[in-house]
Amino acid sequence: MDKKAKARWLKQLHQWHWVSSALCLVCMVLFSVTGITLNHAAQIDGEPKVEELTATLPEPLLAALNRQDQGALPQSLRDWLSQDLDIGVDGREAEWSGQEVYLAMPRAGGDAWLAIDRSSGEVLYENTDRGWIAFLNDLHKGRDTGTVWRWFIDIFAVATLLFAFTGLALMFLHARRRPATWPVTALGLVLPWLLIAFFMH
């Protein structure tokens, strides 16, 4: 490769490399830290906070509930839950049976559920908060984080690949002046496989 072509490639690769590194910086730190916390989940104590609540549905709302047997809860019932009990259900699909209506509300870092008895109108609600570490771990895994966050993880992964491959291309262009480049790269490739072969059961 002649000097002018090499200079053009270097300029272009440096630009893509720093842009992708800037895009990935915060997320790479987050995903690296949560990789450690996930790897040591058994050693990191986290006491979940559980909130329980009971109530009785007003008769008009119970009647509205019993006129329905699928889909989301009636809007009037959702408004009552939000205003009187501070429970937001956001039009989630419920599970309907002859005896009760059950609504699962999992989220990153916690869980919640709501059950309504269709004959008595008794409302049971439980909310579990597992703390910030659990929240960040769930962001790492994409667990109960929604479609937008899962798309974000995919885009971040593509940007990280771009960062890695532009770094590889820069190493290739600088390799002549840095003789340790390929031995160290080969070590990074072989070491994980050696660990898998000899230390994983």
N, C-alpha and C. Protein backbone atom coordinates (compact mmCIF):
# COMPACT_ATOMS: atom_id res chain seq x y z
N MET A 1 0.85 -1.19 0.00
CA MET A 1 0.00 0.00 0.00
C MET A 1 0.89 1.25 0.00
N ASP A 2 0.66 2.17 -0.95
CA ASP A 2 1.50 3.38 -1.00
C ASP A 2 1.15 4.32 0.14
N LYS A 3 2.04 5.30 0.36
CA LYS A 3 1.92 6.16 1.54
C LYS A 3 0.65 6.99 1.54
N LYS A 4 0.25 7.49 0.35
CA LYS A 4 -0.96 8.33 0.29
C LYS A 4 -2.21 7.52 0.64
N ALA A 5 -2.29 6.31 0.06
CA ALA A 5 -3.45 5.45 0.35
C ALA A 5 -3.47 5.07 1.83
N LYS A 6 -2.30 4.75 2.38
CA LYS A 6 -2.23 4.40 3.80
C LYS A 6 -2.66 5.57 4.67
N ALA A 7 -2.24 6.76 4.30
CA ALA A 7 -2.61 7.96 5.08
C ALA A 7 -4.12 8.18 5.04
N ARG A 8 -4.73 7.96 3.85
CA ARG A 8 -6.18 8.11 3.74
C ARG A 8 -6.90 7.10 4.62
N TRP A 9 -6.45 5.84 4.57
CA TRP A 9 -7.08 4.80 5.38
C TRP A 9 -6.91 5.10 6.87
N LEU A 10 -5.71 5.54 7.25
CA LEU A 10 -5.48 5.86 8.65
C LEU A 10 -6.41 6.97 9.14
N LYS A 11 -6.56 8.01 8.32
CA LYS A 11 -7.43 9.13 8.69
C LYS A 11 -8.87 8.66 8.86
N GLN A 12 -9.33 7.86 7.88
CA GLN A 12 -10.71 7.38 7.93
C GLN A 12 -10.94 6.45 9.12
N LEU A 13 -10.00 5.52 9.33
CA LEU A 13 -10.15 4.56 10.42
C LEU A 13 -10.08 5.24 11.78
N HIS A 14 -9.17 6.22 11.92
CA HIS A 14 -9.09 6.96 13.18
C HIS A 14 -10.40 7.68 13.47
N GLN A 15 -11.00 8.24 12.42
CA GLN A 15 -12.25 8.97 12.62
C GLN A 15 -13.36 8.02 13.07
N TRP A 16 -13.52 6.87 12.38
CA TRP A 16 -14.55 5.90 12.77
C TRP A 16 -14.26 5.32 14.15
N HIS A 17 -12.97 5.15 14.45
CA HIS A 17 -12.60 4.54 15.74
C HIS A 17 -12.95 5.46 16.89
N TRP A 18 -12.62 6.76 16.77
CA TRP A 18 -12.92 7.65 17.90
C TRP A 18 -14.40 7.94 18.01
N VAL A 19 -15.11 8.01 16.86
CA VAL A 19 -16.57 8.24 16.93
C VAL A 19 -17.26 7.05 17.62
N SER A 20 -16.90 5.84 17.19
CA SER A 20 -17.52 4.66 17.80
C SER A 20 -17.13 4.52 19.27
N SER A 21 -15.90 4.89 19.62
CA SER A 21 -15.49 4.81 21.03
C SER A 21 -16.25 5.83 21.87
N ALA A 22 -16.46 7.02 21.32
CA ALA A 22 -17.22 8.04 22.05
C ALA A 22 -18.67 7.59 22.27
N LEU A 23 -19.27 6.98 21.24
CA LEU A 23 -20.64 6.49 21.36
C LEU A 23 -20.75 5.37 22.39
N CYS A 24 -19.71 4.54 22.46
CA CYS A 24 -19.77 3.34 23.28
C CYS A 24 -19.25 3.52 24.70
N LEU A 25 -18.56 4.64 24.97
CA LEU A 25 -17.81 4.76 26.22
C LEU A 25 -18.64 4.48 27.46
N VAL A 26 -19.73 5.22 27.65
CA VAL A 26 -20.52 5.09 28.88
C VAL A 26 -21.13 3.69 28.97
N CYS A 27 -21.64 3.20 27.83
CA CYS A 27 -22.28 1.88 27.84
C CYS A 27 -21.27 0.76 28.05
N MET A 28 -20.06 0.92 27.52
CA MET A 28 -19.03 -0.10 27.75
C MET A 28 -18.66 -0.16 29.23
N VAL A 29 -18.58 0.99 29.87
CA VAL A 29 -18.31 1.02 31.32
C VAL A 29 -19.46 0.34 32.07
N LEU A 30 -20.71 0.72 31.72
CA LEU A 30 -21.88 0.14 32.37
C LEU A 30 -21.92 -1.38 32.20
N PHE A 31 -21.72 -1.85 30.96
CA PHE A 31 -21.82 -3.28 30.70
C PHE A 31 -20.64 -4.03 31.31
N SER A 32 -19.48 -3.41 31.42
CA SER A 32 -18.34 -4.05 32.07
C SER A 32 -18.58 -4.19 33.58
N VAL A 33 -19.07 -3.12 34.20
CA VAL A 33 -19.34 -3.16 35.65
C VAL A 33 -20.43 -4.17 35.96
N THR A 34 -21.52 -4.16 35.17
CA THR A 34 -22.60 -5.11 35.43
C THR A 34 -22.20 -6.54 35.07
N GLY A 35 -21.22 -6.69 34.17
CA GLY A 35 -20.68 -8.02 33.93
C GLY A 35 -20.04 -8.57 35.19
N ILE A 36 -19.33 -7.70 35.94
CA ILE A 36 -18.71 -8.12 37.21
C ILE A 36 -19.79 -8.42 38.25
N THR A 37 -20.80 -7.55 38.36
CA THR A 37 -21.84 -7.78 39.38
C THR A 37 -22.66 -9.03 39.06
N LEU A 38 -22.89 -9.31 37.78
CA LEU A 38 -23.60 -10.54 37.42
C LEU A 38 -22.75 -11.77 37.72
N ASN A 39 -21.45 -11.66 37.48
CA ASN A 39 -20.55 -12.78 37.72
C ASN A 39 -20.42 -13.11 39.21
N HIS A 40 -20.69 -12.09 40.07
CA HIS A 40 -20.57 -12.28 41.52
C HIS A 40 -21.92 -12.04 42.22
N ALA A 41 -22.99 -12.41 41.54
CA ALA A 41 -24.33 -12.16 42.08
C ALA A 41 -24.54 -12.84 43.43
N ALA A 42 -23.96 -14.03 43.60
CA ALA A 42 -24.14 -14.76 44.86
C ALA A 42 -23.45 -14.06 46.03
N GLN A 43 -22.36 -13.31 45.75
CA GLN A 43 -21.62 -12.64 46.82
C GLN A 43 -22.16 -11.24 47.14
N ILE A 44 -22.99 -10.72 46.25
CA ILE A 44 -23.53 -9.36 46.46
C ILE A 44 -24.90 -9.48 47.10
N ASP A 45 -24.98 -9.09 48.37
CA ASP A 45 -26.25 -9.19 49.09
C ASP A 45 -27.19 -8.08 48.65
N GLY A 46 -28.41 -8.45 48.42
CA GLY A 46 -29.43 -7.46 48.10
C GLY A 46 -30.75 -7.89 48.72
N GLU A 47 -31.24 -7.11 49.67
CA GLU A 47 -32.48 -7.46 50.35
C GLU A 47 -33.65 -6.83 49.61
N PRO A 48 -34.49 -7.64 48.97
CA PRO A 48 -35.62 -7.07 48.24
C PRO A 48 -36.61 -6.38 49.19
N LYS A 49 -37.18 -5.28 48.73
CA LYS A 49 -38.23 -4.60 49.48
C LYS A 49 -39.58 -4.98 48.88
N VAL A 50 -40.45 -5.52 49.72
CA VAL A 50 -41.75 -6.00 49.26
C VAL A 50 -42.85 -5.13 49.85
N GLU A 51 -43.69 -4.62 48.97
CA GLU A 51 -44.84 -3.81 49.39
C GLU A 51 -46.11 -4.58 49.04
N GLU A 52 -46.98 -4.74 50.02
CA GLU A 52 -48.25 -5.45 49.80
C GLU A 52 -49.41 -4.51 50.08
N LEU A 53 -50.47 -4.69 49.32
CA LEU A 53 -51.61 -3.79 49.44
C LEU A 53 -52.88 -4.58 49.16
N THR A 54 -53.91 -4.31 49.93
CA THR A 54 -55.22 -4.92 49.69
C THR A 54 -56.28 -3.82 49.65
N ALA A 55 -57.31 -4.06 48.87
CA ALA A 55 -58.41 -3.09 48.78
C ALA A 55 -59.64 -3.84 48.25
N THR A 56 -60.74 -3.14 48.22
CA THR A 56 -61.97 -3.72 47.68
C THR A 56 -62.49 -2.82 46.57
N LEU A 57 -62.80 -3.45 45.45
CA LEU A 57 -63.27 -2.71 44.28
C LEU A 57 -64.68 -2.15 44.53
N PRO A 58 -64.93 -0.89 44.21
CA PRO A 58 -66.30 -0.37 44.27
C PRO A 58 -67.21 -1.16 43.32
N GLU A 59 -68.47 -1.27 43.69
CA GLU A 59 -69.42 -2.09 42.92
C GLU A 59 -69.49 -1.73 41.43
N PRO A 60 -69.55 -0.43 41.06
CA PRO A 60 -69.63 -0.12 39.61
C PRO A 60 -68.40 -0.61 38.84
N LEU A 61 -67.25 -0.53 39.47
CA LEU A 61 -66.03 -0.99 38.79
C LEU A 61 -66.00 -2.51 38.70
N LEU A 62 -66.50 -3.20 39.74
CA LEU A 62 -66.57 -4.67 39.69
C LEU A 62 -67.53 -5.11 38.59
N ALA A 63 -68.65 -4.40 38.45
CA ALA A 63 -69.61 -4.72 37.39
C ALA A 63 -68.97 -4.51 36.02
N ALA A 64 -68.21 -3.42 35.85
CA ALA A 64 -67.53 -3.15 34.58
C ALA A 64 -66.50 -4.24 34.29
N LEU A 65 -65.82 -4.68 35.34
CA LEU A 65 -64.82 -5.75 35.19
C LEU A 65 -65.47 -7.04 34.72
N ASN A 66 -66.63 -7.37 35.29
CA ASN A 66 -67.29 -8.64 34.99
C ASN A 66 -68.03 -8.63 33.65
N ARG A 67 -68.10 -7.48 33.01
CA ARG A 67 -68.66 -7.44 31.65
C ARG A 67 -67.59 -7.77 30.61
N GLN A 68 -66.40 -8.05 31.06
CA GLN A 68 -65.27 -8.25 30.16
C GLN A 68 -64.58 -9.57 30.51
N ASP A 69 -63.99 -10.24 29.54
CA ASP A 69 -63.27 -11.48 29.85
C ASP A 69 -61.96 -11.65 29.07
N GLN A 70 -61.45 -10.55 28.52
CA GLN A 70 -60.15 -10.62 27.85
C GLN A 70 -59.59 -9.21 27.68
N GLY A 71 -58.28 -9.16 27.33
CA GLY A 71 -57.64 -7.88 27.05
C GLY A 71 -57.18 -7.15 28.30
N ALA A 72 -57.03 -5.84 28.16
CA ALA A 72 -56.58 -5.00 29.27
C ALA A 72 -57.75 -4.71 30.21
N LEU A 73 -57.44 -4.24 31.41
CA LEU A 73 -58.48 -3.85 32.35
C LEU A 73 -59.25 -2.66 31.81
N PRO A 74 -60.56 -2.54 32.18
CA PRO A 74 -61.34 -1.37 31.73
C PRO A 74 -60.67 -0.07 32.14
N GLN A 75 -60.82 0.96 31.31
CA GLN A 75 -60.17 2.24 31.58
C GLN A 75 -60.58 2.83 32.92
N SER A 76 -61.86 2.70 33.28
CA SER A 76 -62.33 3.25 34.56
C SER A 76 -61.62 2.58 35.73
N LEU A 77 -61.36 1.27 35.60
CA LEU A 77 -60.66 0.54 36.66
C LEU A 77 -59.18 0.95 36.71
N ARG A 78 -58.58 1.15 35.54
CA ARG A 78 -57.18 1.61 35.50
C ARG A 78 -57.04 2.98 36.15
N ASP A 79 -58.02 3.87 35.88
CA ASP A 79 -57.98 5.21 36.49
C ASP A 79 -58.09 5.11 38.01
N TRP A 80 -58.99 4.23 38.50
CA TRP A 80 -59.18 4.07 39.95
C TRP A 80 -57.90 3.52 40.59
N LEU A 81 -57.30 2.53 39.97
CA LEU A 81 -56.05 1.97 40.50
C LEU A 81 -54.96 3.03 40.59
N SER A 82 -54.88 3.87 39.56
CA SER A 82 -53.84 4.91 39.52
C SER A 82 -54.10 5.99 40.55
N GLN A 83 -55.35 6.46 40.64
CA GLN A 83 -55.65 7.61 41.50
C GLN A 83 -55.79 7.23 42.97
N ASP A 84 -56.44 6.10 43.25
CA ASP A 84 -56.73 5.73 44.64
C ASP A 84 -55.63 4.87 45.27
N LEU A 85 -54.99 4.02 44.47
CA LEU A 85 -54.00 3.09 45.03
C LEU A 85 -52.58 3.35 44.53
N ASP A 86 -52.42 4.32 43.62
CA ASP A 86 -51.11 4.65 43.05
C ASP A 86 -50.47 3.43 42.37
N ILE A 87 -51.30 2.69 41.63
CA ILE A 87 -50.83 1.53 40.87
C ILE A 87 -51.06 1.81 39.39
N GLY A 88 -49.99 1.91 38.64
CA GLY A 88 -50.10 2.14 37.20
C GLY A 88 -50.00 0.82 36.45
N VAL A 89 -50.98 0.53 35.61
CA VAL A 89 -50.97 -0.74 34.86
C VAL A 89 -50.80 -0.53 33.36
N ASP A 90 -50.88 0.71 32.88
CA ASP A 90 -50.50 1.06 31.50
C ASP A 90 -51.15 0.22 30.41
N GLY A 91 -52.36 -0.19 30.58
CA GLY A 91 -53.05 -0.94 29.53
C GLY A 91 -52.46 -2.30 29.23
N ARG A 92 -51.76 -2.90 30.19
CA ARG A 92 -51.18 -4.23 30.00
C ARG A 92 -52.28 -5.27 29.83
N GLU A 93 -51.97 -6.32 29.08
CA GLU A 93 -52.91 -7.43 28.92
C GLU A 93 -53.01 -8.19 30.23
N ALA A 94 -54.23 -8.53 30.62
CA ALA A 94 -54.47 -9.30 31.84
C ALA A 94 -54.76 -10.76 31.50
N GLU A 95 -54.64 -11.62 32.53
CA GLU A 95 -55.04 -13.03 32.40
C GLU A 95 -56.39 -13.18 33.07
N TRP A 96 -57.38 -13.66 32.30
CA TRP A 96 -58.76 -13.71 32.78
C TRP A 96 -59.18 -15.16 33.02
N SER A 97 -59.84 -15.39 34.15
CA SER A 97 -60.47 -16.68 34.42
C SER A 97 -61.83 -16.40 35.04
N GLY A 98 -62.59 -17.46 35.33
CA GLY A 98 -63.91 -17.27 35.92
C GLY A 98 -63.85 -16.73 37.33
N GLN A 99 -62.73 -17.00 38.02
CA GLN A 99 -62.62 -16.60 39.43
C GLN A 99 -61.91 -15.27 39.64
N GLU A 100 -60.88 -15.01 38.83
CA GLU A 100 -60.10 -13.80 39.08
C GLU A 100 -59.50 -13.25 37.79
N VAL A 101 -59.01 -12.02 37.92
CA VAL A 101 -58.23 -11.38 36.86
C VAL A 101 -56.84 -11.15 37.44
N TYR A 102 -55.84 -11.60 36.70
CA TYR A 102 -54.45 -11.52 37.19
C TYR A 102 -53.63 -10.70 36.21
N LEU A 103 -52.82 -9.81 36.76
CA LEU A 103 -52.00 -8.94 35.93
C LEU A 103 -50.55 -9.01 36.42
N ALA A 104 -49.66 -9.53 35.56
CA ALA A 104 -48.23 -9.57 35.88
C ALA A 104 -47.59 -8.28 35.40
N MET A 105 -46.74 -7.69 36.23
CA MET A 105 -46.09 -6.42 35.90
C MET A 105 -44.59 -6.48 36.18
N PRO A 106 -43.88 -7.37 35.49
CA PRO A 106 -42.42 -7.43 35.70
C PRO A 106 -41.75 -6.18 35.14
N ARG A 107 -40.61 -5.82 35.73
CA ARG A 107 -39.85 -4.67 35.25
C ARG A 107 -38.39 -4.88 35.62
N ALA A 108 -37.53 -4.08 35.02
CA ALA A 108 -36.11 -4.17 35.35
C ALA A 108 -35.90 -3.81 36.82
N GLY A 109 -35.22 -4.69 37.55
CA GLY A 109 -34.92 -4.43 38.94
C GLY A 109 -36.04 -4.73 39.91
N GLY A 110 -37.12 -5.29 39.43
CA GLY A 110 -38.22 -5.57 40.34
C GLY A 110 -39.33 -6.37 39.68
N ASP A 111 -40.41 -6.53 40.42
CA ASP A 111 -41.54 -7.30 39.91
C ASP A 111 -42.79 -6.84 40.65
N ALA A 112 -43.93 -7.03 40.04
CA ALA A 112 -45.19 -6.70 40.70
C ALA A 112 -46.30 -7.54 40.07
N TRP A 113 -47.35 -7.75 40.82
CA TRP A 113 -48.52 -8.44 40.29
C TRP A 113 -49.78 -7.91 40.99
N LEU A 114 -50.88 -8.07 40.29
CA LEU A 114 -52.18 -7.60 40.77
C LEU A 114 -53.20 -8.69 40.51
N ALA A 115 -54.00 -9.03 41.52
CA ALA A 115 -55.06 -10.03 41.35
C ALA A 115 -56.37 -9.44 41.87
N ILE A 116 -57.44 -9.62 41.11
CA ILE A 116 -58.76 -9.12 41.50
C ILE A 116 -59.74 -10.29 41.49
N ASP A 117 -60.37 -10.52 42.63
CA ASP A 117 -61.39 -11.56 42.75
C ASP A 117 -62.67 -11.07 42.07
N ARG A 118 -63.17 -11.84 41.11
CA ARG A 118 -64.31 -11.38 40.31
C ARG A 118 -65.64 -11.49 41.04
N SER A 119 -65.69 -12.21 42.15
CA SER A 119 -66.95 -12.29 42.89
C SER A 119 -66.99 -11.29 44.05
N SER A 120 -65.90 -11.20 44.81
CA SER A 120 -65.90 -10.31 45.98
C SER A 120 -65.36 -8.92 45.67
N GLY A 121 -64.58 -8.79 44.59
CA GLY A 121 -63.96 -7.50 44.27
C GLY A 121 -62.70 -7.23 45.08
N GLU A 122 -62.19 -8.25 45.79
CA GLU A 122 -60.97 -8.06 46.58
C GLU A 122 -59.77 -7.85 45.65
N VAL A 123 -58.99 -6.83 45.95
CA VAL A 123 -57.80 -6.50 45.16
C VAL A 123 -56.56 -6.83 45.99
N LEU A 124 -55.67 -7.63 45.42
CA LEU A 124 -54.40 -7.95 46.05
C LEU A 124 -53.28 -7.45 45.15
N TYR A 125 -52.35 -6.72 45.74
CA TYR A 125 -51.24 -6.16 44.96
C TYR A 125 -49.94 -6.38 45.72
N GLU A 126 -48.92 -6.82 44.99
CA GLU A 126 -47.59 -6.98 45.60
C GLU A 126 -46.54 -6.38 44.68
N ASN A 127 -45.66 -5.59 45.25
CA ASN A 127 -44.60 -4.94 44.49
C ASN A 127 -43.25 -5.25 45.15
N THR A 128 -42.30 -5.79 44.36
CA THR A 128 -40.98 -6.15 44.88
C THR A 128 -39.93 -5.30 44.18
N ASP A 129 -39.11 -4.62 44.98
CA ASP A 129 -38.00 -3.82 44.47
C ASP A 129 -36.70 -4.49 44.91
N ARG A 130 -35.89 -4.93 43.93
CA ARG A 130 -34.65 -5.65 44.25
C ARG A 130 -33.43 -4.73 44.30
N GLY A 131 -33.60 -3.43 44.10
CA GLY A 131 -32.51 -2.49 44.27
C GLY A 131 -31.81 -2.11 42.97
N TRP A 132 -30.84 -1.16 43.12
CA TRP A 132 -30.17 -0.59 41.95
C TRP A 132 -29.27 -1.58 41.22
N ILE A 133 -28.60 -2.45 41.97
CA ILE A 133 -27.71 -3.41 41.31
C ILE A 133 -28.53 -4.35 40.44
N ALA A 134 -29.66 -4.82 40.96
CA ALA A 134 -30.53 -5.68 40.17
C ALA A 134 -31.07 -4.93 38.95
N PHE A 135 -31.38 -3.65 39.13
CA PHE A 135 -31.86 -2.84 38.01
C PHE A 135 -30.81 -2.76 36.90
N LEU A 136 -29.55 -2.46 37.28
CA LEU A 136 -28.48 -2.36 36.29
C LEU A 136 -28.18 -3.72 35.65
N ASN A 137 -28.25 -4.80 36.46
CA ASN A 137 -28.04 -6.13 35.90
C ASN A 137 -29.11 -6.48 34.87
N ASP A 138 -30.35 -6.09 35.14
CA ASP A 138 -31.43 -6.36 34.18
C ASP A 138 -31.26 -5.52 32.91
N LEU A 139 -30.73 -4.30 33.04
CA LEU A 139 -30.41 -3.52 31.84
C LEU A 139 -29.38 -4.25 31.00
N HIS A 140 -28.37 -4.84 31.66
CA HIS A 140 -27.33 -5.60 30.96
C HIS A 140 -27.95 -6.75 30.16
N LYS A 141 -28.90 -7.46 30.78
CA LYS A 141 -29.50 -8.64 30.15
C LYS A 141 -30.66 -8.29 29.22
N GLY A 142 -31.17 -7.06 29.32
CA GLY A 142 -32.36 -6.71 28.55
C GLY A 142 -33.62 -7.35 29.11
N ARG A 143 -33.60 -7.68 30.40
CA ARG A 143 -34.73 -8.38 31.02
C ARG A 143 -35.81 -7.38 31.42
N ASP A 144 -37.00 -7.57 30.88
CA ASP A 144 -38.16 -6.73 31.20
C ASP A 144 -37.86 -5.25 31.02
N THR A 145 -37.17 -4.91 29.93
CA THR A 145 -36.76 -3.53 29.69
C THR A 145 -37.52 -2.88 28.54
N GLY A 146 -38.28 -3.66 27.78
CA GLY A 146 -39.07 -3.08 26.69
C GLY A 146 -38.33 -3.07 25.37
N THR A 147 -39.09 -2.82 24.32
CA THR A 147 -38.57 -2.89 22.95
C THR A 147 -37.51 -1.84 22.68
N VAL A 148 -37.70 -0.62 23.14
CA VAL A 148 -36.77 0.47 22.84
C VAL A 148 -35.38 0.17 23.41
N TRP A 149 -35.33 -0.33 24.66
CA TRP A 149 -34.03 -0.64 25.26
C TRP A 149 -33.35 -1.80 24.52
N ARG A 150 -34.13 -2.81 24.11
CA ARG A 150 -33.54 -3.93 23.37
C ARG A 150 -32.96 -3.46 22.04
N TRP A 151 -33.65 -2.53 21.37
CA TRP A 151 -33.09 -1.94 20.14
C TRP A 151 -31.80 -1.18 20.46
N PHE A 152 -31.81 -0.46 21.56
CA PHE A 152 -30.61 0.30 21.95
C PHE A 152 -29.43 -0.64 22.17
N ILE A 153 -29.66 -1.78 22.85
CA ILE A 153 -28.59 -2.74 23.07
C ILE A 153 -28.03 -3.24 21.74
N ASP A 154 -28.91 -3.52 20.78
CA ASP A 154 -28.46 -4.00 19.47
C ASP A 154 -27.61 -2.93 18.76
N ILE A 155 -28.06 -1.67 18.82
CA ILE A 155 -27.30 -0.58 18.17
C ILE A 155 -25.96 -0.40 18.86
N PHE A 156 -25.96 -0.46 20.20
CA PHE A 156 -24.71 -0.37 20.96
C PHE A 156 -23.76 -1.51 20.58
N ALA A 157 -24.30 -2.71 20.40
CA ALA A 157 -23.47 -3.85 20.02
C ALA A 157 -22.83 -3.63 18.65
N VAL A 158 -23.59 -3.07 17.70
CA VAL A 158 -23.03 -2.79 16.37
C VAL A 158 -21.93 -1.74 16.47
N ALA A 159 -22.16 -0.69 17.28
CA ALA A 159 -21.13 0.36 17.46
C ALA A 159 -19.88 -0.23 18.11
N THR A 160 -20.05 -1.17 19.04
CA THR A 160 -18.90 -1.80 19.69
C THR A 160 -18.12 -2.65 18.69
N LEU A 161 -18.83 -3.37 17.81
CA LEU A 161 -18.15 -4.14 16.77
C LEU A 161 -17.36 -3.21 15.84
N LEU A 162 -17.96 -2.07 15.51
CA LEU A 162 -17.26 -1.10 14.67
C LEU A 162 -15.99 -0.61 15.36
N PHE A 163 -16.09 -0.34 16.66
CA PHE A 163 -14.93 0.08 17.45
C PHE A 163 -13.84 -1.00 17.42
N ALA A 164 -14.26 -2.26 17.59
CA ALA A 164 -13.29 -3.36 17.63
C ALA A 164 -12.63 -3.57 16.27
N PHE A 165 -13.41 -3.56 15.20
CA PHE A 165 -12.86 -3.86 13.87
C PHE A 165 -12.00 -2.70 13.33
N THR A 166 -12.38 -1.45 13.64
CA THR A 166 -11.51 -0.34 13.24
C THR A 166 -10.21 -0.37 14.04
N GLY A 167 -10.28 -0.81 15.30
CA GLY A 167 -9.06 -0.99 16.08
C GLY A 167 -8.17 -2.07 15.48
N LEU A 168 -8.79 -3.16 15.01
CA LEU A 168 -8.03 -4.23 14.37
C LEU A 168 -7.36 -3.73 13.08
N ALA A 169 -8.11 -2.95 12.30
CA ALA A 169 -7.54 -2.41 11.06
C ALA A 169 -6.38 -1.45 11.36
N LEU A 170 -6.51 -0.64 12.40
CA LEU A 170 -5.42 0.26 12.79
C LEU A 170 -4.19 -0.53 13.25
N MET A 171 -4.43 -1.61 13.98
CA MET A 171 -3.30 -2.47 14.39
C MET A 171 -2.59 -3.04 13.16
N PHE A 172 -3.38 -3.43 12.16
CA PHE A 172 -2.80 -3.99 10.93
C PHE A 172 -1.89 -2.96 10.24
N LEU A 173 -2.37 -1.71 10.18
CA LEU A 173 -1.59 -0.67 9.51
C LEU A 173 -0.34 -0.27 10.30
N HIS A 174 -0.37 -0.45 11.62
CA HIS A 174 0.79 -0.07 12.45
C HIS A 174 1.66 -1.27 12.83
N ALA A 175 1.30 -2.46 12.38
CA ALA A 175 1.94 -3.68 12.88
C ALA A 175 3.44 -3.74 12.60
N ARG A 176 3.88 -3.19 11.48
CA ARG A 176 5.31 -3.27 11.16
C ARG A 176 6.18 -2.62 12.22
N ARG A 177 5.69 -1.50 12.75
CA ARG A 177 6.49 -0.77 13.75
C ARG A 177 6.26 -1.28 15.16
N ARG A 178 5.32 -2.21 15.31
CA ARG A 178 4.99 -2.74 16.64
C ARG A 178 4.98 -4.26 16.56
N PRO A 179 6.14 -4.90 16.70
CA PRO A 179 6.24 -6.34 16.48
C PRO A 179 5.40 -7.19 17.43
N ALA A 180 5.05 -6.64 18.59
CA ALA A 180 4.25 -7.43 19.56
C ALA A 180 2.77 -7.48 19.19
N THR A 181 2.36 -6.74 18.14
CA THR A 181 0.93 -6.62 17.81
C THR A 181 0.26 -7.97 17.64
N TRP A 182 0.77 -8.80 16.73
CA TRP A 182 0.07 -10.05 16.40
C TRP A 182 0.23 -11.12 17.47
N PRO A 183 1.40 -11.26 18.13
CA PRO A 183 1.45 -12.21 19.25
C PRO A 183 0.44 -11.89 20.36
N VAL A 184 0.31 -10.59 20.70
CA VAL A 184 -0.64 -10.21 21.75
C VAL A 184 -2.08 -10.45 21.28
N THR A 185 -2.36 -10.13 20.01
CA THR A 185 -3.69 -10.37 19.45
C THR A 185 -4.01 -11.86 19.45
N ALA A 186 -3.03 -12.68 19.06
CA ALA A 186 -3.22 -14.14 19.05
C ALA A 186 -3.48 -14.66 20.46
N LEU A 187 -2.77 -14.09 21.45
CA LEU A 187 -3.00 -14.49 22.84
C LEU A 187 -4.43 -14.19 23.26
N GLY A 188 -4.92 -12.99 22.88
CA GLY A 188 -6.30 -12.62 23.21
C GLY A 188 -7.32 -13.54 22.56
N LEU A 189 -6.96 -14.11 21.40
CA LEU A 189 -7.86 -15.03 20.70
C LEU A 189 -7.82 -16.43 21.32
N VAL A 190 -6.61 -16.88 21.67
CA VAL A 190 -6.43 -18.27 22.12
C VAL A 190 -6.76 -18.45 23.60
N LEU A 191 -6.46 -17.44 24.43
CA LEU A 191 -6.62 -17.59 25.88
C LEU A 191 -8.03 -18.01 26.31
N PRO A 192 -9.10 -17.37 25.80
CA PRO A 192 -10.43 -17.82 26.23
C PRO A 192 -10.70 -19.28 25.91
N TRP A 193 -10.22 -19.75 24.76
CA TRP A 193 -10.45 -21.15 24.37
C TRP A 193 -9.65 -22.09 25.25
N LEU A 194 -8.45 -21.69 25.67
CA LEU A 194 -7.68 -22.52 26.59
C LEU A 194 -8.37 -22.62 27.95
N LEU A 195 -8.92 -21.49 28.43
CA LEU A 195 -9.64 -21.50 29.70
C LEU A 195 -10.88 -22.40 29.61
N ILE A 196 -11.59 -22.32 28.48
CA ILE A 196 -12.78 -23.17 28.29
C ILE A 196 -12.37 -24.65 28.25
N ALA A 197 -11.30 -24.95 27.52
CA ALA A 197 -10.89 -26.33 27.34
C ALA A 197 -10.40 -26.96 28.65
N PHE A 198 -9.67 -26.20 29.49
CA PHE A 198 -9.00 -26.81 30.64
C PHE A 198 -9.68 -26.54 31.99
N PHE A 199 -10.51 -25.46 32.08
CA PHE A 199 -11.03 -25.11 33.40
C PHE A 199 -12.56 -25.13 33.50
N MET A 200 -13.28 -25.29 32.38
CA MET A 200 -14.73 -25.37 32.46
C MET A 200 -15.16 -26.82 32.47
N HIS A 201 -16.17 -27.11 33.30
CA HIS A 201 -16.64 -28.50 33.43
C HIS A 201 -18.07 -28.59 32.95
